[in-house]
Amino acid sequence: MTNLLILIPVALGLGAIGLGAFIWSLKSGQFDDPDGDAARILLDDDDRPGS
């Protein structure tokens, strides 16, 4: 029973740290353009106008 008194706050703390890191990454713009790089890698350099 005393193990639960230690493990529950530890689990909640780790969850709060993970949630805080996720919210920080959203606010810092980590997920602004998730499709841009994926589509950009498929483009051929010869297909760009002016090159």
PDB file of N, CA and C in Angstrom:
ATOM      1  N   MET A   1       0.815  -1.201   0.000  1.00  0.00           N
ATOM      2  CA  MET A   1       0.000   0.000   0.000  1.00  0.00           C
ATOM      3  C   MET A   1       0.855   1.260   0.000  1.00  0.00           C
ATOM      4  N   THR A   2       1.978   1.206   0.702  1.00  0.00           N
ATOM      5  CA  THR A   2       2.832   2.387   0.732  1.00  0.00           C
ATOM      6  C   THR A   2       3.499   2.622  -0.622  1.00  0.00           C
ATOM      7  N   ASN A   3       3.607   1.547  -1.428  1.00  0.00           N
ATOM      8  CA  ASN A   3       4.170   1.726  -2.765  1.00  0.00           C
ATOM      9  C   ASN A   3       3.287   2.627  -3.619  1.00  0.00           C
ATOM     10  N   LEU A   4       1.969   2.487  -3.453  1.00  0.00           N
ATOM     11  CA  LEU A   4       1.045   3.331  -4.206  1.00  0.00           C
ATOM     12  C   LEU A   4       1.167   4.796  -3.815  1.00  0.00           C
ATOM     13  N   LEU A   5       1.488   5.055  -2.567  1.00  0.00           N
ATOM     14  CA  LEU A   5       1.644   6.441  -2.120  1.00  0.00           C
ATOM     15  C   LEU A   5       2.852   7.104  -2.778  1.00  0.00           C
ATOM     16  N   ILE A   6       3.782   6.307  -3.245  1.00  0.00           N
ATOM     17  CA  ILE A   6       4.955   6.842  -3.934  1.00  0.00           C
ATOM     18  C   ILE A   6       4.741   6.828  -5.447  1.00  0.00           C
ATOM     19  N   LEU A   7       4.191   5.731  -5.971  1.00  0.00           N
ATOM     20  CA  LEU A   7       4.086   5.570  -7.414  1.00  0.00           C
ATOM     21  C   LEU A   7       3.039   6.478  -8.057  1.00  0.00           C
ATOM     22  N   ILE A   8       1.941   6.727  -7.391  1.00  0.00           N
ATOM     23  CA  ILE A   8       0.893   7.574  -7.978  1.00  0.00           C
ATOM     24  C   ILE A   8       1.384   9.010  -8.172  1.00  0.00           C
ATOM     25  N   PRO A   9       1.992   9.664  -7.181  1.00  0.00           N
ATOM     26  CA  PRO A   9       2.510  11.020  -7.432  1.00  0.00           C
ATOM     27  C   PRO A   9       3.636  11.048  -8.476  1.00  0.00           C
ATOM     28  N   VAL A  10       4.455  10.001  -8.500  1.00  0.00           N
ATOM     29  CA  VAL A  10       5.525   9.947  -9.508  1.00  0.00           C
ATOM     30  C   VAL A  10       4.918   9.849 -10.904  1.00  0.00           C
ATOM     31  N   ALA A  11       3.910   8.997 -11.069  1.00  0.00           N
ATOM     32  CA  ALA A  11       3.255   8.851 -12.370  1.00  0.00           C
ATOM     33  C   ALA A  11       2.567  10.149 -12.788  1.00  0.00           C
ATOM     34  N   LEU A  12       1.901  10.798 -11.854  1.00  0.00           N
ATOM     35  CA  LEU A  12       1.249  12.069 -12.170  1.00  0.00           C
ATOM     36  C   LEU A  12       2.270  13.150 -12.517  1.00  0.00           C
ATOM     37  N   GLY A  13       3.392  13.150 -11.812  1.00  0.00           N
ATOM     38  CA  GLY A  13       4.443  14.121 -12.108  1.00  0.00           C
ATOM     39  C   GLY A  13       5.052  13.905 -13.488  1.00  0.00           C
ATOM     40  N   LEU A  14       5.308  12.642 -13.840  1.00  0.00           N
ATOM     41  CA  LEU A  14       5.855  12.359 -15.172  1.00  0.00           C
ATOM     42  C   LEU A  14       4.855  12.714 -16.267  1.00  0.00           C
ATOM     43  N   GLY A  15       3.579  12.464 -16.004  1.00  0.00           N
ATOM     44  CA  GLY A  15       2.549  12.860 -16.969  1.00  0.00           C
ATOM     45  C   GLY A  15       2.476  14.368 -17.137  1.00  0.00           C
ATOM     46  N   ALA A  16       2.603  15.096 -16.046  1.00  0.00           N
ATOM     47  CA  ALA A  16       2.580  16.560 -16.105  1.00  0.00           C
ATOM     48  C   ALA A  16       3.799  17.098 -16.848  1.00  0.00           C
ATOM     49  N   ILE A  17       4.952  16.466 -16.652  1.00  0.00           N
ATOM     50  CA  ILE A  17       6.163  16.879 -17.385  1.00  0.00           C
ATOM     51  C   ILE A  17       5.982  16.633 -18.876  1.00  0.00           C
ATOM     52  N   GLY A  18       5.432  15.482 -19.229  1.00  0.00           N
ATOM     53  CA  GLY A  18       5.187  15.177 -20.644  1.00  0.00           C
ATOM     54  C   GLY A  18       4.189  16.130 -21.265  1.00  0.00           C
ATOM     55  N   LEU A  19       3.119  16.434 -20.552  1.00  0.00           N
ATOM     56  CA  LEU A  19       2.124  17.381 -21.058  1.00  0.00           C
ATOM     57  C   LEU A  19       2.730  18.775 -21.203  1.00  0.00           C
ATOM     58  N   GLY A  20       3.539  19.171 -20.236  1.00  0.00           N
ATOM     59  CA  GLY A  20       4.201  20.471 -20.327  1.00  0.00           C
ATOM     60  C   GLY A  20       5.152  20.547 -21.512  1.00  0.00           C
ATOM     61  N   ALA A  21       5.896  19.471 -21.766  1.00  0.00           N
ATOM     62  CA  ALA A  21       6.798  19.452 -22.918  1.00  0.00           C
ATOM     63  C   ALA A  21       6.018  19.513 -24.227  1.00  0.00           C
ATOM     64  N   PHE A  22       4.880  18.838 -24.286  1.00  0.00           N
ATOM     65  CA  PHE A  22       4.054  18.873 -25.497  1.00  0.00           C
ATOM     66  C   PHE A  22       3.487  20.266 -25.732  1.00  0.00           C
ATOM     67  N   ILE A  23       2.981  20.899 -24.688  1.00  0.00           N
ATOM     68  CA  ILE A  23       2.424  22.251 -24.833  1.00  0.00           C
ATOM     69  C   ILE A  23       3.525  23.231 -25.209  1.00  0.00           C
ATOM     70  N   TRP A  24       4.705  23.082 -24.632  1.00  0.00           N
ATOM     71  CA  TRP A  24       5.830  23.947 -24.987  1.00  0.00           C
ATOM     72  C   TRP A  24       6.193  23.777 -26.461  1.00  0.00           C
ATOM     73  N   SER A  25       6.201  22.543 -26.943  1.00  0.00           N
ATOM     74  CA  SER A  25       6.558  22.321 -28.347  1.00  0.00           C
ATOM     75  C   SER A  25       5.494  22.892 -29.284  1.00  0.00           C
ATOM     76  N   LEU A  26       4.232  22.863 -28.876  1.00  0.00           N
ATOM     77  CA  LEU A  26       3.187  23.480 -29.693  1.00  0.00           C
ATOM     78  C   LEU A  26       3.376  24.990 -29.765  1.00  0.00           C
ATOM     79  N   LYS A  27       3.689  25.605 -28.620  1.00  0.00           N
ATOM     80  CA  LYS A  27       3.838  27.059 -28.583  1.00  0.00           C
ATOM     81  C   LYS A  27       5.106  27.532 -29.274  1.00  0.00           C
ATOM     82  N   SER A  28       6.127  26.682 -29.333  1.00  0.00           N
ATOM     83  CA  SER A  28       7.380  27.099 -29.963  1.00  0.00           C
ATOM     84  C   SER A  28       7.389  26.839 -31.464  1.00  0.00           C
ATOM     85  N   GLY A  29       6.297  26.291 -32.011  1.00  0.00           N
ATOM     86  CA  GLY A  29       6.184  26.132 -33.452  1.00  0.00           C
ATOM     87  C   GLY A  29       6.782  24.855 -34.005  1.00  0.00           C
ATOM     88  N   GLN A  30       6.918  23.829 -33.206  1.00  0.00           N
ATOM     89  CA  GLN A  30       7.495  22.582 -33.674  1.00  0.00           C
ATOM     90  C   GLN A  30       6.592  21.871 -34.675  1.00  0.00           C
ATOM     91  N   PHE A  31       5.294  22.112 -34.623  1.00  0.00           N
ATOM     92  CA  PHE A  31       4.342  21.400 -35.470  1.00  0.00           C
ATOM     93  C   PHE A  31       3.652  22.335 -36.466  1.00  0.00           C
ATOM     94  N   ASP A  32       4.302  23.418 -36.853  1.00  0.00           N
ATOM     95  CA  ASP A  32       3.663  24.379 -37.743  1.00  0.00           C
ATOM     96  C   ASP A  32       3.446  23.837 -39.154  1.00  0.00           C
ATOM     97  N   ASP A  33       4.408  23.108 -39.691  1.00  0.00           N
ATOM     98  CA  ASP A  33       4.321  22.648 -41.074  1.00  0.00           C
ATOM     99  C   ASP A  33       4.727  21.178 -41.173  1.00  0.00           C
ATOM    100  N   PRO A  34       3.892  20.271 -40.679  1.00  0.00           N
ATOM    101  CA  PRO A  34       4.299  18.864 -40.693  1.00  0.00           C
ATOM    102  C   PRO A  34       4.308  18.250 -42.087  1.00  0.00           C
ATOM    103  N   ASP A  35       3.529  18.796 -43.038  1.00  0.00           N
ATOM    104  CA  ASP A  35       3.472  18.221 -44.377  1.00  0.00           C
ATOM    105  C   ASP A  35       4.488  18.844 -45.326  1.00  0.00           C
ATOM    106  N   GLY A  36       5.026  19.978 -44.978  1.00  0.00           N
ATOM    107  CA  GLY A  36       5.940  20.665 -45.888  1.00  0.00           C
ATOM    108  C   GLY A  36       7.198  19.883 -46.184  1.00  0.00           C
ATOM    109  N   ASP A  37       7.879  19.392 -45.163  1.00  0.00           N
ATOM    110  CA  ASP A  37       9.104  18.634 -45.392  1.00  0.00           C
ATOM    111  C   ASP A  37       8.828  17.311 -46.077  1.00  0.00           C
ATOM    112  N   ALA A  38       7.718  16.680 -45.746  1.00  0.00           N
ATOM    113  CA  ALA A  38       7.385  15.396 -46.360  1.00  0.00           C
ATOM    114  C   ALA A  38       7.122  15.560 -47.855  1.00  0.00           C
ATOM    115  N   ALA A  39       6.493  16.655 -48.246  1.00  0.00           N
ATOM    116  CA  ALA A  39       6.222  16.871 -49.661  1.00  0.00           C
ATOM    117  C   ALA A  39       7.450  17.427 -50.375  1.00  0.00           C
ATOM    118  N   ARG A  40       8.269  18.194 -49.676  1.00  0.00           N
ATOM    119  CA  ARG A  40       9.437  18.816 -50.283  1.00  0.00           C
ATOM    120  C   ARG A  40      10.483  17.793 -50.696  1.00  0.00           C
ATOM    121  N   ILE A  41      10.572  16.691 -49.983  1.00  0.00           N
ATOM    122  CA  ILE A  41      11.578  15.688 -50.302  1.00  0.00           C
ATOM    123  C   ILE A  41      11.240  14.966 -51.610  1.00  0.00           C
ATOM    124  N   LEU A  42       9.966  14.994 -52.001  1.00  0.00           N
ATOM    125  CA  LEU A  42       9.555  14.332 -53.231  1.00  0.00           C
ATOM    126  C   LEU A  42       9.798  15.190 -54.468  1.00  0.00           C
ATOM    127  N   LEU A  43      10.025  16.481 -54.278  1.00  0.00           N
ATOM    128  CA  LEU A  43      10.247  17.371 -55.409  1.00  0.00           C
ATOM    129  C   LEU A  43      11.644  17.164 -55.981  1.00  0.00           C
ATOM    130  N   ASP A  44      11.713  17.214 -57.277  1.00  0.00           N
ATOM    131  CA  ASP A  44      13.000  17.099 -57.949  1.00  0.00           C
ATOM    132  C   ASP A  44      13.566  18.507 -58.135  1.00  0.00           C
ATOM    133  N   ASP A  45      14.862  18.688 -57.980  1.00  0.00           N
ATOM    134  CA  ASP A  45      15.454  20.015 -58.135  1.00  0.00           C
ATOM    135  C   ASP A  45      15.294  20.545 -59.554  1.00  0.00           C
ATOM    136  N   ASP A  46      15.202  19.674 -60.531  1.00  0.00           N
ATOM    137  CA  ASP A  46      15.060  20.104 -61.923  1.00  0.00           C
ATOM    138  C   ASP A  46      13.657  20.618 -62.220  1.00  0.00           C
ATOM    139  N   ASP A  47      12.681  20.284 -61.378  1.00  0.00           N
ATOM    140  CA  ASP A  47      11.294  20.693 -61.616  1.00  0.00           C
ATOM    141  C   ASP A  47      11.020  22.122 -61.158  1.00  0.00           C
ATOM    142  N   ARG A  48      11.911  22.720 -60.402  1.00  0.00           N
ATOM    143  CA  ARG A  48      11.680  24.067 -59.888  1.00  0.00           C
ATOM    144  C   ARG A  48      11.901  25.090 -60.991  1.00  0.00           C
ATOM    145  N   PRO A  49      10.989  26.061 -61.089  1.00  0.00           N
ATOM    146  CA  PRO A  49      11.171  27.085 -62.117  1.00  0.00           C
ATOM    147  C   PRO A  49      12.347  27.988 -61.806  1.00  0.00           C
ATOM    148  N   GLY A  50      13.068  28.356 -62.833  1.00  0.00           N
ATOM    149  CA  GLY A  50      14.191  29.276 -62.671  1.00  0.00           C
ATOM    150  C   GLY A  50      15.487  28.609 -62.289  1.00  0.00           C
ATOM    151  N   SER A  51      15.551  27.302 -62.270  1.00  0.00           N
ATOM    152  CA  SER A  51      16.822  26.663 -61.922  1.00  0.00           C
ATOM    153  C   SER A  51      17.407  25.913 -63.084  1.00  0.00           C
TER     154      SER A  51
END
